[in-house]
Amino acid sequence: MLDSASMRKRVLIIDDEPSIRKVLAAHLKAQSYEVQTASDGGEGISRLQNEQFHAVVTDLKMPGIGGLEVLHWVRSHDPGLPVVIITAHGTVDTAVEAIKLGAHDYITKPFDRDELKLILEKAVRTEQVQAQSLSSLEGRFDIIGRTPKMQQVYELIERVANSPTTVLITGESGTGKELVARALHTNSSRKDEPFISVNCGAIPDTLFESELFGHEKGAFTGAIGSRPGRFELADGGTLFLDEVGELPLDMQVKLLRVLQERKVDRVGGLKPIEVDVRLITSTNRDLSKEVEEGSFRQDLFYRLNVIPIHLPPLRERTEDIPLLVKHFLERFNVRLDRNIEGLTAGAEELLQRWEWPGNIRELENLMERTVLLCQGNQIEESDLPSSTQDTPLPDVAANVEELGLKAYVRAHTAKLERARILEVLEAETHNVTRAAKALGISRKSLQTKMKDYGLRDDGNSSS
């Protein structure tokens, strides 16, 4: 996954018609995208193997390897990468099937500039919150973690996966809520049917109804053709509404009616369409509090919160950090063609002390950046961002009775470590290089610890 905050959004266009590639590239470059093109599916896959993108726009029908084959490759190798299908009006049904197979969306020829802009904006906006398909190291359901809190999550998934009951997944941003939603789907009898994910936070208020329920041709300005909504696309399978707390009140009413009647009304449609959908939702908000404040409907909250599953923040399961680090290290060694062997004990300790406000997603981004920039074969404290190194140690002078077990151990370990470092520094007349050698750690590691413990470097740091 790319760090979109630090670079322009990169889009790959795959189409066998030079004129289409030229027009699309011009449109997207005018919107400040960085654009690369490929003339067929084989060339497109080759680029995807060697470069990184935020989104792929591919023609459906091409000689040789077509759009569906490109979609299958992306779903297998980079499931968090959104794929937008280009289609002619005569092949819209195939494009709809492509969405059921995991495509993000589709656009029809001739292109409508505004529609293209909205689809690409939504694709790259949701790219960062697409859960990565994690290979299981220690955990279950392709989710990494072995702490008691995660075991409780696994047990709930196992118990409710094969039921039609609505599930509400709660947790801070970056904790892996979509991974849980996918686990519920893939372990149910609906696993061979569509899993459709919608990030409610990425949809403008004016487009919610059309996005969820679809629209008929001419229903509003720009509706150049009929489009099924996400409920229709998920028929027979699972619909995952991520960040459902973002729904406006008027859409909450309409969603409640769909849950009650199991029918949707397209914008501009004349008759309801029956749907069979298992609904899973998620939020990083306190919806019960929002019900009290009047910003979320109480009746809808009760319908969504039949089975609640809460994902703990990473700071509450730091024992899982080494497992996650190992996973991300292996992934980014392959992706970035590096051979980083692991972390020093000091670097791992820093990661476990950090509060992780961005949770697993923050750890993933940090590992990608660190693997790329690390100059040695091991990641040391000095290779980590300064923010993680500024984490204060527990106050060893605090009343130990007020500390939990983990904080108590950390505090006393820090006290012993500081005393030992000071002892060796004094024995080596504060020569940092010789002290580091005597302690069996690198000079950089010792300097980091001296900073952590407030030990002054008297300037005799050279050998």
Protein backbone atom coordinates (compact mmCIF):
# COMPACT_ATOMS: atom_id res chain seq x y z
CA MET A 1 0.00 0.00 0.00
CA LEU A 2 1.27 3.44 -0.90
CA ASP A 3 1.62 6.30 1.55
CA SER A 4 -0.69 8.71 -0.26
CA ALA A 5 0.07 11.54 2.13
CA SER A 6 3.64 11.75 0.84
CA MET A 7 3.14 11.42 -2.94
CA ARG A 8 0.74 12.09 -5.79
CA LYS A 9 -1.89 9.45 -6.41
CA ARG A 10 -0.67 6.97 -9.06
CA VAL A 11 -3.18 5.44 -11.47
CA LEU A 12 -2.53 2.72 -14.06
CA ILE A 13 -4.69 2.82 -17.22
CA ILE A 14 -4.93 -0.43 -19.22
CA ASP A 15 -6.64 -0.22 -22.62
CA ASP A 16 -5.82 -1.53 -26.09
CA GLU A 17 -7.18 1.63 -27.79
CA PRO A 18 -4.55 4.41 -27.91
CA SER A 19 -7.25 7.10 -28.16
CA ILE A 20 -8.94 5.89 -24.96
CA ARG A 21 -5.62 5.80 -23.10
CA LYS A 22 -4.84 9.31 -24.29
CA VAL A 23 -8.22 10.76 -23.29
CA LEU A 24 -8.24 9.08 -19.88
CA ALA A 25 -4.65 10.07 -19.16
CA ALA A 26 -5.38 13.70 -20.07
CA HIS A 27 -8.45 13.78 -17.79
CA LEU A 28 -6.59 12.27 -14.85
CA LYS A 29 -3.44 14.34 -15.26
CA ALA A 30 -5.64 17.45 -15.24
CA GLN A 31 -6.84 16.26 -11.81
CA SER A 32 -3.22 15.99 -10.57
CA TYR A 33 -2.94 12.21 -10.79
CA GLU A 34 0.33 10.60 -11.83
CA VAL A 35 -0.65 8.34 -14.74
CA GLN A 36 1.00 5.30 -16.31
CA THR A 37 -0.53 3.36 -19.21
CA ALA A 38 -0.44 -0.16 -20.63
CA SER A 39 -1.73 -1.33 -24.02
CA ASP A 40 -3.01 -4.72 -22.85
CA GLY A 41 -3.60 -6.85 -19.76
CA GLY A 42 -0.22 -8.57 -19.95
CA GLU A 43 1.67 -5.28 -19.96
CA GLY A 44 -0.58 -4.00 -17.19
CA ILE A 45 0.14 -6.98 -14.94
CA SER A 46 3.86 -6.60 -15.64
CA ARG A 47 3.68 -2.98 -14.48
CA LEU A 48 1.73 -4.00 -11.38
CA GLN A 49 4.43 -6.51 -10.53
CA ASN A 50 7.16 -3.88 -10.67
CA GLU A 51 5.45 -0.64 -9.63
CA GLN A 52 2.97 0.56 -7.02
CA PHE A 53 -0.34 2.29 -7.73
CA HIS A 54 -3.33 3.69 -5.85
CA ALA A 55 -5.88 2.54 -8.46
CA VAL A 56 -6.17 0.64 -11.75
CA VAL A 57 -8.51 1.60 -14.59
CA THR A 58 -8.78 -1.26 -17.09
CA ASP A 59 -10.82 -1.97 -20.20
CA LEU A 60 -13.02 -5.03 -19.90
CA LYS A 61 -12.59 -6.41 -23.43
CA MET A 62 -9.02 -6.58 -24.77
CA PRO A 63 -7.17 -9.07 -27.01
CA GLY A 64 -5.30 -11.67 -24.98
CA ILE A 65 -5.47 -10.89 -21.27
CA GLY A 66 -8.65 -8.91 -20.60
CA GLY A 67 -9.94 -6.82 -17.71
CA LEU A 68 -11.35 -9.76 -15.76
CA GLU A 69 -7.97 -11.50 -15.79
CA VAL A 70 -6.35 -8.28 -14.56
CA LEU A 71 -8.96 -8.10 -11.81
CA HIS A 72 -8.28 -11.71 -10.77
CA TRP A 73 -4.53 -10.99 -10.62
CA VAL A 74 -5.04 -7.90 -8.44
CA ARG A 75 -7.43 -9.69 -6.10
CA SER A 76 -4.83 -12.45 -5.64
CA HIS A 77 -1.71 -10.30 -5.31
CA ASP A 78 -2.83 -6.90 -3.97
CA PRO A 79 -6.42 -7.14 -2.68
CA GLY A 80 -6.37 -3.60 -1.26
CA LEU A 81 -5.83 -2.05 -4.74
CA PRO A 82 -9.09 -0.70 -6.27
CA VAL A 83 -9.85 -1.74 -9.87
CA VAL A 84 -12.23 0.33 -12.02
CA ILE A 85 -13.61 -1.41 -15.12
CA ILE A 86 -14.11 0.40 -18.45
CA THR A 87 -17.06 -0.95 -20.39
CA ALA A 88 -19.31 -0.20 -23.34
CA HIS A 89 -23.07 -0.02 -22.83
CA GLY A 90 -23.48 -3.48 -24.37
CA THR A 91 -21.30 -5.12 -21.72
CA VAL A 92 -22.62 -3.42 -18.58
CA ASP A 93 -23.93 -6.74 -17.26
CA THR A 94 -20.40 -8.16 -17.40
CA ALA A 95 -19.09 -5.08 -15.59
CA VAL A 96 -21.66 -5.64 -12.85
CA GLU A 97 -20.42 -9.22 -12.53
CA ALA A 98 -16.89 -7.84 -12.28
CA ILE A 99 -17.96 -5.71 -9.31
CA LYS A 100 -19.35 -8.81 -7.68
CA LEU A 101 -15.94 -10.41 -8.20
CA GLY A 102 -14.25 -7.53 -6.40
CA ALA A 103 -13.94 -4.61 -8.83
CA HIS A 104 -14.31 -1.21 -7.15
CA ASP A 105 -16.64 0.30 -9.77
CA TYR A 106 -17.12 0.71 -13.52
CA ILE A 107 -17.36 3.56 -16.03
CA THR A 108 -19.07 3.41 -19.42
CA LYS A 109 -18.03 4.75 -22.80
CA PRO A 110 -18.37 7.59 -23.71
CA PHE A 111 -16.93 8.92 -20.45
CA ASP A 112 -18.67 11.50 -18.34
CA ARG A 113 -15.92 13.67 -16.83
CA ASP A 114 -17.74 14.32 -13.55
CA GLU A 115 -18.57 10.64 -13.09
CA LEU A 116 -14.97 9.65 -13.83
CA LYS A 117 -13.70 12.22 -11.34
CA LEU A 118 -16.00 11.00 -8.56
CA ILE A 119 -15.20 7.32 -9.15
CA LEU A 120 -11.43 7.88 -9.11
CA GLU A 121 -11.60 10.16 -6.06
CA LYS A 122 -13.56 7.50 -4.20
CA ALA A 123 -11.19 4.74 -5.33
CA VAL A 124 -8.01 6.43 -4.12
CA ARG A 125 -9.73 7.70 -0.97
CA THR A 126 -10.76 4.21 0.02
CA GLU A 127 -7.46 2.58 -1.04
CA GLN A 128 -5.82 3.41 2.27
CA VAL A 129 -8.60 1.89 4.32
CA GLN A 130 -8.84 -1.32 2.33
CA ALA A 131 -7.75 -4.07 4.66
CA GLN A 132 -4.75 -6.04 3.49
CA SER A 133 -5.28 -9.77 3.25
CA LEU A 134 -2.93 -10.74 6.05
CA SER A 135 -1.39 -14.21 6.12
CA SER A 136 -1.87 -15.75 9.50
CA LEU A 137 1.24 -16.05 11.66
CA GLU A 138 -0.44 -16.65 14.97
CA GLY A 139 -4.15 -16.08 15.04
CA ARG A 140 -7.22 -17.19 13.12
CA PHE A 141 -9.30 -16.14 10.14
CA ASP A 142 -6.23 -14.51 8.48
CA ILE A 143 -6.05 -12.08 11.40
CA ILE A 144 -2.79 -11.73 13.32
CA GLY A 145 -2.95 -11.77 17.10
CA ARG A 146 -2.98 -14.20 19.99
CA THR A 147 -3.84 -12.04 23.01
CA PRO A 148 -6.92 -12.94 25.10
CA LYS A 149 -8.86 -9.99 23.65
CA MET A 150 -8.24 -11.24 20.12
CA GLN A 151 -9.19 -14.77 21.13
CA GLN A 152 -12.56 -13.38 22.21
CA VAL A 153 -12.94 -11.80 18.76
CA TYR A 154 -12.15 -15.13 17.06
CA GLU A 155 -14.70 -16.95 19.20
CA LEU A 156 -17.42 -14.45 18.27
CA ILE A 157 -16.58 -14.73 14.57
CA GLU A 158 -16.83 -18.50 14.77
CA ARG A 159 -20.16 -18.41 16.59
CA VAL A 160 -21.99 -15.87 14.40
CA ALA A 161 -20.34 -16.18 10.95
CA ASN A 162 -22.90 -18.56 9.51
CA SER A 163 -25.97 -16.75 10.79
CA PRO A 164 -27.93 -14.08 8.87
CA THR A 165 -27.78 -11.79 11.90
CA THR A 166 -26.60 -8.20 11.52
CA VAL A 167 -23.20 -7.49 13.12
CA LEU A 168 -21.79 -4.14 14.28
CA ILE A 169 -17.97 -4.06 14.46
CA THR A 170 -16.59 -1.28 16.64
CA GLY A 171 -13.06 -0.07 17.14
CA GLU A 172 -10.69 2.78 16.46
CA SER A 173 -9.54 3.57 12.95
CA GLY A 174 -6.87 1.17 11.75
CA THR A 175 -7.74 -1.77 14.02
CA GLY A 176 -8.78 -4.08 11.14
CA LYS A 177 -12.56 -3.92 11.13
CA GLU A 178 -12.85 -4.93 7.48
CA LEU A 179 -10.71 -8.01 8.14
CA VAL A 180 -13.33 -9.13 10.65
CA ALA A 181 -16.15 -8.39 8.21
CA ARG A 182 -14.43 -10.47 5.51
CA ALA A 183 -13.84 -13.27 8.02
CA LEU A 184 -17.56 -13.32 8.83
CA HIS A 185 -18.37 -13.56 5.13
CA THR A 186 -15.79 -16.17 4.12
CA ASN A 187 -16.79 -18.43 7.00
CA SER A 188 -20.49 -18.31 6.17
CA SER A 189 -22.69 -20.15 3.69
CA ARG A 190 -22.56 -16.97 1.57
CA LYS A 191 -18.81 -17.26 0.99
CA ASP A 192 -19.22 -17.97 -2.75
CA GLU A 193 -21.49 -14.97 -3.21
CA PRO A 194 -20.42 -11.29 -3.44
CA PHE A 195 -18.77 -9.39 -0.60
CA ILE A 196 -19.40 -5.70 -1.30
CA SER A 197 -17.61 -3.12 0.83
CA VAL A 198 -18.69 0.52 1.05
CA ASN A 199 -16.75 3.20 2.92
CA CYS A 200 -19.54 5.55 4.02
CA GLY A 201 -16.98 8.19 4.95
CA ALA A 202 -15.86 8.44 1.30
CA ILE A 203 -19.30 9.18 -0.20
CA PRO A 204 -20.63 12.76 -0.59
CA ASP A 205 -24.01 13.25 1.12
CA THR A 206 -25.71 13.89 -2.23
CA LEU A 207 -24.66 10.51 -3.62
CA PHE A 208 -25.51 8.19 -0.72
CA GLU A 209 -28.90 7.12 -2.02
CA SER A 210 -27.68 6.44 -5.57
CA GLU A 211 -24.60 4.62 -4.27
CA LEU A 212 -26.52 2.28 -1.96
CA PHE A 213 -29.78 1.80 -3.85
CA GLY A 214 -28.87 2.59 -7.49
CA HIS A 215 -30.60 4.85 -9.99
CA GLU A 216 -32.44 4.72 -13.30
CA LYS A 217 -31.38 6.54 -16.45
CA GLY A 218 -32.31 10.22 -16.31
CA ALA A 219 -33.12 10.15 -12.59
CA PHE A 220 -30.88 13.21 -12.10
CA THR A 221 -28.38 15.31 -14.02
CA GLY A 222 -25.51 13.11 -15.10
CA ALA A 223 -27.45 9.84 -14.81
CA ILE A 224 -26.64 8.77 -18.38
CA GLY A 225 -27.59 5.17 -17.72
CA SER A 226 -29.14 2.87 -15.13
CA ARG A 227 -26.84 1.65 -12.36
CA PRO A 228 -27.46 -0.96 -9.67
CA GLY A 229 -26.74 0.10 -6.11
CA ARG A 230 -24.50 -1.72 -3.65
CA PHE A 231 -27.44 -3.59 -2.13
CA GLU A 232 -28.27 -5.12 -5.52
CA LEU A 233 -24.64 -5.97 -6.20
CA ALA A 234 -24.45 -7.76 -2.85
CA ASP A 235 -27.64 -9.77 -3.47
CA GLY A 236 -27.14 -13.28 -2.09
CA GLY A 237 -23.96 -12.23 -0.31
CA THR A 238 -22.74 -9.72 2.24
CA LEU A 239 -22.79 -5.92 2.28
CA PHE A 240 -20.25 -4.26 4.55
CA LEU A 241 -20.98 -0.61 5.44
CA ASP A 242 -17.73 0.74 6.87
CA GLU A 243 -18.05 3.81 9.14
CA VAL A 244 -21.84 3.58 9.18
CA GLY A 245 -21.91 6.48 11.65
CA GLU A 246 -21.26 8.79 8.68
CA LEU A 247 -24.74 8.15 7.27
CA PRO A 248 -26.93 11.30 7.23
CA LEU A 249 -30.20 11.08 9.15
CA ASP A 250 -32.35 10.90 6.00
CA MET A 251 -30.32 7.92 4.77
CA GLN A 252 -30.61 6.25 8.15
CA VAL A 253 -34.39 6.24 7.69
CA LYS A 254 -34.08 4.66 4.24
CA LEU A 255 -31.56 2.08 5.44
CA LEU A 256 -33.89 1.09 8.26
CA ARG A 257 -36.73 0.59 5.80
CA VAL A 258 -34.56 -1.66 3.60
CA LEU A 259 -33.64 -3.77 6.63
CA GLN A 260 -37.31 -4.12 7.54
CA GLU A 261 -38.72 -4.76 4.06
CA ARG A 262 -35.70 -6.36 2.34
CA LYS A 263 -36.43 -4.25 -0.73
CA VAL A 264 -34.66 -1.27 -2.30
CA ASP A 265 -35.99 1.54 -4.44
CA ARG A 266 -33.66 2.87 -7.12
CA VAL A 267 -33.59 6.64 -7.50
CA GLY A 268 -36.12 7.30 -10.26
CA GLY A 269 -37.34 3.69 -10.15
CA LEU A 270 -40.98 2.68 -10.36
CA LYS A 271 -41.02 -0.54 -8.33
CA PRO A 272 -39.09 -1.98 -5.37
CA ILE A 273 -36.39 -4.59 -5.97
CA GLU A 274 -36.12 -7.51 -3.55
CA VAL A 275 -32.66 -8.20 -2.13
CA ASP A 276 -31.20 -10.95 0.03
CA VAL A 277 -28.27 -9.35 1.83
CA ARG A 278 -26.45 -10.07 5.08
CA LEU A 279 -25.54 -6.64 6.49
CA ILE A 280 -22.34 -6.03 8.48
CA THR A 281 -21.47 -2.54 9.63
CA SER A 282 -18.58 -0.89 11.44
CA THR A 283 -17.84 2.39 13.18
CA ASN A 284 -15.10 4.12 15.12
CA ARG A 285 -17.70 6.26 16.88
CA ASP A 286 -19.70 5.73 20.05
CA LEU A 287 -23.08 5.25 18.41
CA SER A 288 -24.93 4.89 21.72
CA LYS A 289 -23.69 8.37 22.64
CA GLU A 290 -24.72 9.69 19.24
CA VAL A 291 -28.18 8.21 19.80
CA GLU A 292 -28.41 10.24 23.03
CA GLU A 293 -27.30 13.35 21.15
CA GLY A 294 -29.84 12.79 18.39
CA SER A 295 -27.36 12.38 15.53
CA PHE A 296 -28.06 8.65 15.07
CA ARG A 297 -31.46 6.98 15.07
CA GLN A 298 -32.13 4.75 18.05
CA ASP A 299 -34.27 2.26 16.07
CA LEU A 300 -31.53 1.83 13.45
CA PHE A 301 -28.87 1.44 16.15
CA TYR A 302 -30.86 -1.42 17.68
CA ARG A 303 -31.20 -3.11 14.27
CA LEU A 304 -27.47 -2.83 13.58
CA ASN A 305 -26.19 -3.71 17.05
CA VAL A 306 -27.69 -7.20 17.28
CA ILE A 307 -24.23 -8.79 17.58
CA PRO A 308 -21.50 -6.31 18.61
CA ILE A 309 -17.84 -7.22 18.03
CA HIS A 310 -15.26 -4.84 19.51
CA LEU A 311 -11.69 -4.70 18.22
CA PRO A 312 -9.16 -3.55 20.81
CA PRO A 313 -6.66 -0.80 19.90
CA LEU A 314 -3.08 -1.90 19.34
CA ARG A 315 -1.91 -0.25 22.57
CA GLU A 316 -4.08 -2.74 24.48
CA ARG A 317 -2.48 -5.76 22.80
CA THR A 318 1.17 -4.82 22.47
CA GLU A 319 2.13 -8.49 22.86
CA ASP A 320 0.96 -8.88 19.24
CA ILE A 321 3.36 -6.23 17.93
CA PRO A 322 6.27 -8.67 17.30
CA LEU A 323 3.94 -10.89 15.25
CA LEU A 324 2.70 -7.96 13.20
CA VAL A 325 6.22 -6.61 12.76
CA LYS A 326 7.39 -10.00 11.48
CA HIS A 327 4.53 -10.12 8.99
CA PHE A 328 5.10 -6.60 7.67
CA LEU A 329 8.85 -7.13 7.54
CA GLU A 330 8.41 -10.20 5.35
CA ARG A 331 5.92 -8.40 3.12
CA PHE A 332 7.99 -5.27 2.56
CA ASN A 333 11.25 -7.18 2.12
CA VAL A 334 9.61 -8.82 -0.90
CA ARG A 335 7.81 -5.73 -2.19
CA LEU A 336 10.78 -3.36 -1.79
CA ASP A 337 13.46 -5.92 -2.69
CA ARG A 338 15.21 -5.58 0.68
CA ASN A 339 16.71 -8.14 3.04
CA ILE A 340 16.19 -6.70 6.51
CA GLU A 341 16.70 -9.53 9.01
CA GLY A 342 14.77 -8.08 11.93
CA LEU A 343 14.79 -5.52 14.72
CA THR A 344 17.22 -5.03 17.57
CA ALA A 345 15.84 -5.58 21.06
CA GLY A 346 15.96 -1.83 21.64
CA ALA A 347 13.98 -1.05 18.49
CA GLU A 348 11.35 -3.65 19.35
CA GLU A 349 11.05 -2.17 22.85
CA LEU A 350 10.47 1.29 21.38
CA LEU A 351 7.66 -0.06 19.20
CA GLN A 352 6.02 -1.69 22.21
CA ARG A 353 6.23 1.53 24.22
CA TRP A 354 4.60 3.67 21.52
CA GLU A 355 0.88 4.44 21.95
CA TRP A 356 -0.05 3.73 18.28
CA PRO A 357 -2.87 6.26 17.77
CA GLY A 358 -3.22 4.96 14.18
CA ASN A 359 -3.20 1.31 15.31
CA ILE A 360 -2.20 -1.48 12.88
CA ARG A 361 -2.39 0.80 9.86
CA GLU A 362 0.12 3.15 11.48
CA LEU A 363 2.45 0.22 12.27
CA GLU A 364 2.16 -1.01 8.68
CA ASN A 365 3.07 2.40 7.24
CA LEU A 366 5.94 2.78 9.71
CA MET A 367 7.36 -0.62 8.76
CA GLU A 368 7.17 0.14 5.03
CA ARG A 369 9.02 3.43 5.49
CA THR A 370 11.60 1.91 7.85
CA VAL A 371 12.33 -1.12 5.65
CA LEU A 372 12.84 1.19 2.68
CA LEU A 373 15.18 3.60 4.46
CA CYS A 374 17.09 1.26 6.79
CA GLN A 375 20.80 1.22 5.86
CA GLY A 376 21.87 -1.86 7.80
CA ASN A 377 20.59 -5.42 7.88
CA GLN A 378 18.76 -4.82 11.17
CA ILE A 379 16.39 -2.04 12.21
CA GLU A 380 17.79 -0.09 15.16
CA GLU A 381 16.21 2.57 17.36
CA SER A 382 17.80 5.31 15.28
CA ASP A 383 16.10 3.94 12.15
CA LEU A 384 12.66 4.52 13.66
CA PRO A 385 10.80 7.86 13.37
CA SER A 386 11.64 10.34 16.12
CA SER A 387 8.02 10.29 17.32
CA THR A 388 8.40 6.72 18.60
CA GLN A 389 11.66 7.61 20.34
CA ASP A 390 10.04 10.48 22.23
CA THR A 391 7.71 8.16 24.15
CA PRO A 392 8.19 8.88 27.86
CA LEU A 393 9.26 6.04 30.11
CA PRO A 394 7.12 5.21 33.13
CA ASP A 395 7.93 7.36 36.12
CA VAL A 396 10.09 5.02 38.22
CA ALA A 397 9.55 7.30 41.22
CA ALA A 398 5.77 6.95 41.01
CA ASN A 399 3.82 4.98 43.56
CA VAL A 400 4.24 1.43 42.25
CA GLU A 401 0.92 0.42 43.77
CA GLU A 402 -0.77 2.64 41.17
CA LEU A 403 0.92 0.86 38.26
CA GLY A 404 -0.50 -2.11 36.41
CA LEU A 405 1.68 -5.22 36.14
CA LYS A 406 3.04 -4.35 32.71
CA ALA A 407 3.84 -0.75 33.64
CA TYR A 408 5.34 -1.95 36.93
CA VAL A 409 7.72 -4.30 35.13
CA ARG A 410 8.65 -1.66 32.58
CA ALA A 411 9.31 0.92 35.27
CA HIS A 412 11.64 -1.32 37.25
CA THR A 413 13.35 -2.66 34.15
CA ALA A 414 14.01 0.93 33.11
CA LYS A 415 15.37 1.71 36.55
CA LEU A 416 17.81 -1.22 36.43
CA GLU A 417 18.81 -0.47 32.84
CA ARG A 418 19.51 3.19 33.62
CA ALA A 419 21.63 2.25 36.62
CA ARG A 420 23.68 -0.24 34.59
CA ILE A 421 24.25 2.22 31.74
CA LEU A 422 25.34 4.92 34.15
CA GLU A 423 27.70 2.49 35.89
CA VAL A 424 29.39 1.51 32.61
CA LEU A 425 29.56 5.10 31.35
CA GLU A 426 31.35 6.15 34.52
CA ALA A 427 33.74 3.19 34.27
CA GLU A 428 34.57 4.20 30.70
CA THR A 429 34.88 7.92 31.63
CA HIS A 430 31.76 8.62 29.56
CA ASN A 431 33.31 7.37 26.33
CA VAL A 432 30.13 6.35 24.50
CA THR A 433 31.84 4.11 21.95
CA ARG A 434 33.68 2.03 24.59
CA ALA A 435 30.61 1.96 26.86
CA ALA A 436 28.44 0.66 24.01
CA LYS A 437 30.99 -2.08 23.33
CA ALA A 438 31.08 -3.04 27.00
CA LEU A 439 27.26 -3.17 27.11
CA GLY A 440 27.08 -5.22 23.92
CA ILE A 441 24.87 -2.75 22.03
CA SER A 442 25.46 -0.35 19.15
CA ARG A 443 26.65 3.19 19.73
CA LYS A 444 23.38 4.52 18.24
CA SER A 445 21.34 2.38 20.61
CA LEU A 446 23.29 3.63 23.61
CA GLN A 447 22.86 7.26 22.56
CA THR A 448 19.12 6.71 22.24
CA LYS A 449 18.93 5.15 25.71
CA MET A 450 21.02 7.99 27.18
CA LYS A 451 18.49 10.43 25.74
CA ASP A 452 15.58 8.37 27.12
CA TYR A 453 17.08 8.26 30.61
CA GLY A 454 18.32 11.85 30.69
CA LEU A 455 22.00 10.85 30.88
CA ARG A 456 24.27 13.64 29.71
CA ASP A 457 26.84 13.04 26.96
CA ASP A 458 29.90 14.92 28.17
CA GLY A 459 31.35 15.16 24.70
CA ASN A 460 33.80 12.27 25.09
CA SER A 461 31.85 10.14 22.67
CA SER A 462 34.55 9.39 20.19
CA SER A 463 36.77 6.38 20.56
